[in-house]
PDB file of all heavy atoms in Angstrom:
ATOM      1  N   THR A   1      -3.315 -11.982 -25.749  1.00  0.00           N
ATOM      2  CA  THR A   1      -4.352 -12.572 -25.024  1.00  0.00           C
ATOM      3  C   THR A   1      -3.804 -13.045 -23.636  1.00  0.00           C
ATOM      4  O   THR A   1      -4.464 -12.836 -22.614  1.00  0.00           O
ATOM      5  CB  THR A   1      -4.925 -13.882 -25.749  1.00  0.00           C
ATOM      6  OG1 THR A   1      -5.467 -13.406 -26.999  1.00  0.00           O
ATOM      7  CG2 THR A   1      -6.001 -14.583 -24.905  1.00  0.00           C
ATOM      8  N   ALA A   2      -2.564 -13.592 -23.643  1.00  0.00           N
ATOM      9  CA  ALA A   2      -1.954 -14.033 -22.379  1.00  0.00           C
ATOM     10  C   ALA A   2      -1.656 -12.781 -21.516  1.00  0.00           C
ATOM     11  O   ALA A   2      -1.856 -12.842 -20.306  1.00  0.00           O
ATOM     12  CB  ALA A   2      -0.663 -14.780 -22.732  1.00  0.00           C
ATOM     13  N   ALA A   3      -1.209 -11.684 -22.101  1.00  0.00           N
ATOM     14  CA  ALA A   3      -0.856 -10.491 -21.392  1.00  0.00           C
ATOM     15  C   ALA A   3      -2.101  -9.941 -20.726  1.00  0.00           C
ATOM     16  O   ALA A   3      -2.025  -9.443 -19.535  1.00  0.00           O
ATOM     17  CB  ALA A   3      -0.239  -9.448 -22.304  1.00  0.00           C
ATOM     18  N   ARG A   4      -3.211  -9.938 -21.457  1.00  0.00           N
ATOM     19  CA  ARG A   4      -4.431  -9.416 -20.813  1.00  0.00           C
ATOM     20  C   ARG A   4      -4.860 -10.137 -19.529  1.00  0.00           C
ATOM     21  O   ARG A   4      -5.564  -9.556 -18.733  1.00  0.00           O
ATOM     22  CB  ARG A   4      -5.552  -9.414 -21.879  1.00  0.00           C
ATOM     23  CG  ARG A   4      -5.451  -8.407 -22.977  1.00  0.00           C
ATOM     24  CD  ARG A   4      -6.727  -8.228 -23.794  1.00  0.00           C
ATOM     25  NE  ARG A   4      -7.056  -9.433 -24.525  1.00  0.00           N
ATOM     26  CZ  ARG A   4      -6.615  -9.571 -25.740  1.00  0.00           C
ATOM     27  NH1 ARG A   4      -5.901  -8.666 -26.351  1.00  0.00           N
ATOM     28  NH2 ARG A   4      -7.019 -10.733 -26.412  1.00  0.00           N
ATOM     29  N   LYS A   5      -4.482 -11.373 -19.443  1.00  0.00           N
ATOM     30  CA  LYS A   5      -4.879 -12.197 -18.308  1.00  0.00           C
ATOM     31  C   LYS A   5      -4.055 -11.892 -17.112  1.00  0.00           C
ATOM     32  O   LYS A   5      -4.562 -12.123 -15.976  1.00  0.00           O
ATOM     33  CB  LYS A   5      -4.772 -13.667 -18.643  1.00  0.00           C
ATOM     34  CG  LYS A   5      -5.691 -14.102 -19.693  1.00  0.00           C
ATOM     35  CD  LYS A   5      -5.569 -15.622 -19.981  1.00  0.00           C
ATOM     36  CE  LYS A   5      -6.566 -16.083 -21.035  1.00  0.00           C
ATOM     37  NZ  LYS A   5      -6.424 -17.518 -21.320  1.00  0.00           N
ATOM     38  N   PHE A   6      -2.835 -11.416 -17.249  1.00  0.00           N
ATOM     39  CA  PHE A   6      -2.050 -11.182 -15.976  1.00  0.00           C
ATOM     40  C   PHE A   6      -1.881  -9.688 -15.582  1.00  0.00           C
ATOM     41  O   PHE A   6      -1.476  -9.422 -14.499  1.00  0.00           O
ATOM     42  CB  PHE A   6      -0.643 -11.813 -16.154  1.00  0.00           C
ATOM     43  CG  PHE A   6       0.373 -10.962 -16.874  1.00  0.00           C
ATOM     44  CD1 PHE A   6       1.092  -9.970 -16.264  1.00  0.00           C
ATOM     45  CD2 PHE A   6       0.583 -11.180 -18.307  1.00  0.00           C
ATOM     46  CE1 PHE A   6       1.999  -9.248 -16.965  1.00  0.00           C
ATOM     47  CE2 PHE A   6       1.488 -10.431 -19.002  1.00  0.00           C
ATOM     48  CZ  PHE A   6       2.258  -9.455 -18.312  1.00  0.00           C
ATOM     49  N   LEU A   7      -2.237  -8.755 -16.478  1.00  0.00           N
ATOM     50  CA  LEU A   7      -2.065  -7.411 -16.208  1.00  0.00           C
ATOM     51  C   LEU A   7      -3.024  -6.952 -15.077  1.00  0.00           C
ATOM     52  O   LEU A   7      -4.205  -6.987 -15.225  1.00  0.00           O
ATOM     53  CB  LEU A   7      -2.337  -6.498 -17.467  1.00  0.00           C
ATOM     54  CG  LEU A   7      -1.314  -6.591 -18.571  1.00  0.00           C
ATOM     55  CD1 LEU A   7      -1.835  -5.854 -19.776  1.00  0.00           C
ATOM     56  CD2 LEU A   7       0.013  -6.154 -18.145  1.00  0.00           C
ATOM     57  N   ARG A   8      -2.443  -6.502 -13.940  1.00  0.00           N
ATOM     58  CA  ARG A   8      -3.210  -6.094 -12.774  1.00  0.00           C
ATOM     59  C   ARG A   8      -2.822  -4.819 -12.168  1.00  0.00           C
ATOM     60  O   ARG A   8      -3.545  -4.127 -11.494  1.00  0.00           O
ATOM     61  CB  ARG A   8      -3.154  -7.248 -11.724  1.00  0.00           C
ATOM     62  CG  ARG A   8      -3.854  -8.502 -12.012  1.00  0.00           C
ATOM     63  CD  ARG A   8      -5.367  -8.269 -12.047  1.00  0.00           C
ATOM     64  NE  ARG A   8      -6.034  -9.556 -12.336  1.00  0.00           N
ATOM     65  CZ  ARG A   8      -6.445  -9.960 -13.560  1.00  0.00           C
ATOM     66  NH1 ARG A   8      -6.062  -9.273 -14.592  1.00  0.00           N
ATOM     67  NH2 ARG A   8      -7.070 -11.077 -13.746  1.00  0.00           N
ATOM     68  N   THR A   9      -1.577  -4.364 -12.334  1.00  0.00           N
ATOM     69  CA  THR A   9      -1.034  -3.192 -11.740  1.00  0.00           C
ATOM     70  C   THR A   9      -0.278  -2.342 -12.761  1.00  0.00           C
ATOM     71  O   THR A   9       0.324  -2.895 -13.665  1.00  0.00           O
ATOM     72  CB  THR A   9      -0.073  -3.510 -10.618  1.00  0.00           C
ATOM     73  OG1 THR A   9       0.965  -4.420 -11.111  1.00  0.00           O
ATOM     74  CG2 THR A   9      -0.856  -4.236  -9.493  1.00  0.00           C
ATOM     75  N   ALA A  10      -0.329  -0.975 -12.548  1.00  0.00           N
ATOM     76  CA  ALA A  10       0.419  -0.115 -13.367  1.00  0.00           C
ATOM     77  C   ALA A  10       0.986   1.028 -12.479  1.00  0.00           C
ATOM     78  O   ALA A  10       0.536   1.261 -11.456  1.00  0.00           O
ATOM     79  CB  ALA A  10      -0.571   0.527 -14.381  1.00  0.00           C
ATOM     80  N   ILE A  11       2.060   1.586 -13.006  1.00  0.00           N
ATOM     81  CA  ILE A  11       2.655   2.726 -12.330  1.00  0.00           C
ATOM     82  C   ILE A  11       2.913   3.829 -13.364  1.00  0.00           C
ATOM     83  O   ILE A  11       3.485   3.534 -14.393  1.00  0.00           O
ATOM     84  CB  ILE A  11       3.885   2.422 -11.465  1.00  0.00           C
ATOM     85  CG1 ILE A  11       4.464   3.568 -10.772  1.00  0.00           C
ATOM     86  CG2 ILE A  11       4.953   1.810 -12.335  1.00  0.00           C
ATOM     87  CD1 ILE A  11       5.566   3.391  -9.774  1.00  0.00           C
ATOM     88  N   VAL A  12       2.658   5.092 -13.002  1.00  0.00           N
ATOM     89  CA  VAL A  12       2.963   6.271 -13.832  1.00  0.00           C
ATOM     90  C   VAL A  12       4.129   7.007 -13.263  1.00  0.00           C
ATOM     91  O   VAL A  12       4.027   7.420 -12.059  1.00  0.00           O
ATOM     92  CB  VAL A  12       1.738   7.156 -13.990  1.00  0.00           C
ATOM     93  CG1 VAL A  12       2.103   8.298 -14.986  1.00  0.00           C
ATOM     94  CG2 VAL A  12       0.601   6.406 -14.487  1.00  0.00           C
ATOM     95  N   ILE A  13       5.189   7.273 -14.018  1.00  0.00           N
ATOM     96  CA  ILE A  13       6.327   8.035 -13.538  1.00  0.00           C
ATOM     97  C   ILE A  13       6.480   9.213 -14.399  1.00  0.00           C
ATOM     98  O   ILE A  13       6.819   9.093 -15.578  1.00  0.00           O
ATOM     99  CB  ILE A  13       7.598   7.145 -13.603  1.00  0.00           C
ATOM    100  CG1 ILE A  13       7.483   5.771 -12.879  1.00  0.00           C
ATOM    101  CG2 ILE A  13       8.825   7.901 -13.055  1.00  0.00           C
ATOM    102  CD1 ILE A  13       8.594   4.833 -13.070  1.00  0.00           C
ATOM    103  N   ASP A  14       6.152  10.406 -13.814  1.00  0.00           N
ATOM    104  CA  ASP A  14       6.167  11.640 -14.669  1.00  0.00           C
ATOM    105  C   ASP A  14       6.260  12.768 -13.628  1.00  0.00           C
ATOM    106  O   ASP A  14       5.588  12.779 -12.599  1.00  0.00           O
ATOM    107  CB  ASP A  14       4.920  11.743 -15.438  1.00  0.00           C
ATOM    108  CG  ASP A  14       5.000  12.669 -16.588  1.00  0.00           C
ATOM    109  OD1 ASP A  14       5.424  13.835 -16.346  1.00  0.00           O
ATOM    110  OD2 ASP A  14       4.613  12.267 -17.695  1.00  0.00           O
ATOM    111  N   ASP A  15       7.131  13.760 -13.978  1.00  0.00           N
ATOM    112  CA  ASP A  15       7.225  14.937 -13.101  1.00  0.00           C
ATOM    113  C   ASP A  15       6.089  15.979 -13.373  1.00  0.00           C
ATOM    114  O   ASP A  15       5.974  16.975 -12.658  1.00  0.00           O
ATOM    115  CB  ASP A  15       8.598  15.621 -13.316  1.00  0.00           C
ATOM    116  CG  ASP A  15       8.778  16.081 -14.728  1.00  0.00           C
ATOM    117  OD1 ASP A  15       8.334  15.440 -15.664  1.00  0.00           O
ATOM    118  OD2 ASP A  15       9.446  17.138 -14.904  1.00  0.00           O
ATOM    119  N   ASP A  16       5.245  15.692 -14.379  1.00  0.00           N
ATOM    120  CA  ASP A  16       4.136  16.664 -14.753  1.00  0.00           C
ATOM    121  C   ASP A  16       2.803  16.024 -14.464  1.00  0.00           C
ATOM    122  O   ASP A  16       1.830  16.461 -15.035  1.00  0.00           O
ATOM    123  CB  ASP A  16       4.282  16.986 -16.197  1.00  0.00           C
ATOM    124  CG  ASP A  16       5.416  17.897 -16.534  1.00  0.00           C
ATOM    125  OD1 ASP A  16       5.685  18.869 -15.759  1.00  0.00           O
ATOM    126  OD2 ASP A  16       6.143  17.634 -17.500  1.00  0.00           O
ATOM    127  N   ILE A  17       2.723  15.173 -13.477  1.00  0.00           N
ATOM    128  CA  ILE A  17       1.496  14.549 -13.056  1.00  0.00           C
ATOM    129  C   ILE A  17       0.680  15.661 -12.370  1.00  0.00           C
ATOM    130  O   ILE A  17       1.240  16.425 -11.496  1.00  0.00           O
ATOM    131  CB  ILE A  17       1.564  13.425 -12.086  1.00  0.00           C
ATOM    132  CG1 ILE A  17       2.225  12.181 -12.908  1.00  0.00           C
ATOM    133  CG2 ILE A  17       0.346  12.962 -11.459  1.00  0.00           C
ATOM    134  CD1 ILE A  17       2.603  11.001 -12.145  1.00  0.00           C
ATOM    135  N   SER A  18      -0.575  15.785 -12.711  1.00  0.00           N
ATOM    136  CA  SER A  18      -1.408  16.896 -12.075  1.00  0.00           C
ATOM    137  C   SER A  18      -2.789  16.229 -11.590  1.00  0.00           C
ATOM    138  O   SER A  18      -3.269  15.277 -12.264  1.00  0.00           O
ATOM    139  CB  SER A  18      -1.665  18.022 -13.050  1.00  0.00           C
ATOM    140  OG  SER A  18      -2.399  17.495 -14.171  1.00  0.00           O
ATOM    141  N   ALA A  19      -3.204  16.776 -10.516  1.00  0.00           N
ATOM    142  CA  ALA A  19      -4.556  16.430  -9.983  1.00  0.00           C
ATOM    143  C   ALA A  19      -5.443  17.593 -10.119  1.00  0.00           C
ATOM    144  O   ALA A  19      -5.148  18.689  -9.607  1.00  0.00           O
ATOM    145  CB  ALA A  19      -4.463  15.904  -8.611  1.00  0.00           C
ATOM    146  N   PRO A  20      -6.612  17.506 -10.727  1.00  0.00           N
ATOM    147  CA  PRO A  20      -7.448  18.707 -10.957  1.00  0.00           C
ATOM    148  C   PRO A  20      -7.971  19.248  -9.608  1.00  0.00           C
ATOM    149  O   PRO A  20      -8.449  18.490  -8.791  1.00  0.00           O
ATOM    150  CB  PRO A  20      -8.625  18.123 -11.803  1.00  0.00           C
ATOM    151  CG  PRO A  20      -8.601  16.713 -11.586  1.00  0.00           C
ATOM    152  CD  PRO A  20      -7.190  16.280 -11.271  1.00  0.00           C
ATOM    153  N   ALA A  21      -7.880  20.540  -9.405  1.00  0.00           N
ATOM    154  CA  ALA A  21      -8.463  21.180  -8.258  1.00  0.00           C
ATOM    155  C   ALA A  21      -9.943  21.361  -8.528  1.00  0.00           C
ATOM    156  O   ALA A  21     -10.383  21.561  -9.661  1.00  0.00           O
ATOM    157  CB  ALA A  21      -7.808  22.497  -7.959  1.00  0.00           C
ATOM    158  N   GLU A  22     -10.752  21.217  -7.463  1.00  0.00           N
ATOM    159  CA  GLU A  22     -12.217  21.464  -7.640  1.00  0.00           C
ATOM    160  C   GLU A  22     -12.627  22.723  -6.970  1.00  0.00           C
ATOM    161  O   GLU A  22     -12.103  23.092  -5.939  1.00  0.00           O
ATOM    162  CB  GLU A  22     -12.953  20.247  -6.993  1.00  0.00           C
ATOM    163  CG  GLU A  22     -12.578  18.879  -7.729  1.00  0.00           C
ATOM    164  CD  GLU A  22     -13.298  17.754  -7.106  1.00  0.00           C
ATOM    165  OE1 GLU A  22     -14.135  18.032  -6.152  1.00  0.00           O
ATOM    166  OE2 GLU A  22     -13.103  16.633  -7.500  1.00  0.00           O
ATOM    167  N   ALA A  23     -13.550  23.396  -7.604  1.00  0.00           N
ATOM    168  CA  ALA A  23     -14.123  24.636  -7.036  1.00  0.00           C
ATOM    169  C   ALA A  23     -14.710  24.359  -5.643  1.00  0.00           C
ATOM    170  O   ALA A  23     -15.467  23.328  -5.541  1.00  0.00           O
ATOM    171  CB  ALA A  23     -15.089  25.236  -8.006  1.00  0.00           C
ATOM    172  N   ASN A  24     -14.575  25.188  -4.780  1.00  0.00           N
ATOM    173  CA  ASN A  24     -15.148  25.015  -3.457  1.00  0.00           C
ATOM    174  C   ASN A  24     -16.531  25.652  -3.408  1.00  0.00           C
ATOM    175  O   ASN A  24     -16.742  26.832  -3.398  1.00  0.00           O
ATOM    176  CB  ASN A  24     -14.247  25.736  -2.374  1.00  0.00           C
ATOM    177  CG  ASN A  24     -14.692  25.429  -0.998  1.00  0.00           C
ATOM    178  OD1 ASN A  24     -15.603  24.691  -0.801  1.00  0.00           O
ATOM    179  ND2 ASN A  24     -14.053  26.067  -0.017  1.00  0.00           N
ATOM    180  N   ASP A  25     -17.537  24.714  -3.377  1.00  0.00           N
ATOM    181  CA  ASP A  25     -18.919  25.215  -3.435  1.00  0.00           C
ATOM    182  C   ASP A  25     -19.486  25.280  -1.981  1.00  0.00           C
ATOM    183  O   ASP A  25     -20.719  25.505  -1.873  1.00  0.00           O
ATOM    184  CB  ASP A  25     -19.759  24.195  -4.236  1.00  0.00           C
ATOM    185  CG  ASP A  25     -19.317  24.215  -5.704  1.00  0.00           C
ATOM    186  OD1 ASP A  25     -18.901  25.206  -6.202  1.00  0.00           O
ATOM    187  OD2 ASP A  25     -19.490  23.090  -6.354  1.00  0.00           O
ATOM    188  N   ALA A  26     -18.745  25.018  -0.990  1.00  0.00           N
ATOM    189  CA  ALA A  26     -19.256  25.105   0.347  1.00  0.00           C
ATOM    190  C   ALA A  26     -19.670  26.546   0.742  1.00  0.00           C
ATOM    191  O   ALA A  26     -19.054  27.512   0.282  1.00  0.00           O
ATOM    192  CB  ALA A  26     -18.146  24.649   1.310  1.00  0.00           C
ATOM    193  N   LYS A  27     -20.680  26.642   1.560  1.00  0.00           N
ATOM    194  CA  LYS A  27     -21.218  27.943   1.914  1.00  0.00           C
ATOM    195  C   LYS A  27     -20.210  28.628   2.826  1.00  0.00           C
ATOM    196  O   LYS A  27     -19.578  28.072   3.737  1.00  0.00           O
ATOM    197  CB  LYS A  27     -22.518  27.733   2.660  1.00  0.00           C
ATOM    198  CG  LYS A  27     -23.222  28.999   3.038  1.00  0.00           C
ATOM    199  CD  LYS A  27     -24.528  28.786   3.742  1.00  0.00           C
ATOM    200  CE  LYS A  27     -25.166  30.087   4.208  1.00  0.00           C
ATOM    201  NZ  LYS A  27     -26.459  29.789   4.875  1.00  0.00           N
ATOM    202  N   VAL A  28     -20.010  29.907   2.525  1.00  0.00           N
ATOM    203  CA  VAL A  28     -19.075  30.683   3.282  1.00  0.00           C
ATOM    204  C   VAL A  28     -19.723  31.106   4.603  1.00  0.00           C
ATOM    205  O   VAL A  28     -20.850  31.713   4.572  1.00  0.00           O
ATOM    206  CB  VAL A  28     -18.596  31.930   2.563  1.00  0.00           C
ATOM    207  CG1 VAL A  28     -17.640  32.755   3.372  1.00  0.00           C
ATOM    208  CG2 VAL A  28     -17.916  31.530   1.226  1.00  0.00           C
ATOM    209  N   LEU A  29     -19.128  30.790   5.731  1.00  0.00           N
ATOM    210  CA  LEU A  29     -19.698  31.161   7.030  1.00  0.00           C
ATOM    211  C   LEU A  29     -19.193  32.520   7.473  1.00  0.00           C
ATOM    212  O   LEU A  29     -18.012  32.814   7.309  1.00  0.00           O
ATOM    213  CB  LEU A  29     -19.284  30.188   8.074  1.00  0.00           C
ATOM    214  CG  LEU A  29     -19.718  28.698   7.752  1.00  0.00           C
ATOM    215  CD1 LEU A  29     -19.273  27.753   8.924  1.00  0.00           C
ATOM    216  CD2 LEU A  29     -21.300  28.670   7.704  1.00  0.00           C
TER     217      LEU A  29
END
């Protein structure tokens, strides 16, 4: 209960972190 009150920040350390790419739906000119 005490821990839940002070937890505000986190950091992830990993060499396999990935961000999903999104399909480009923009109209081709």
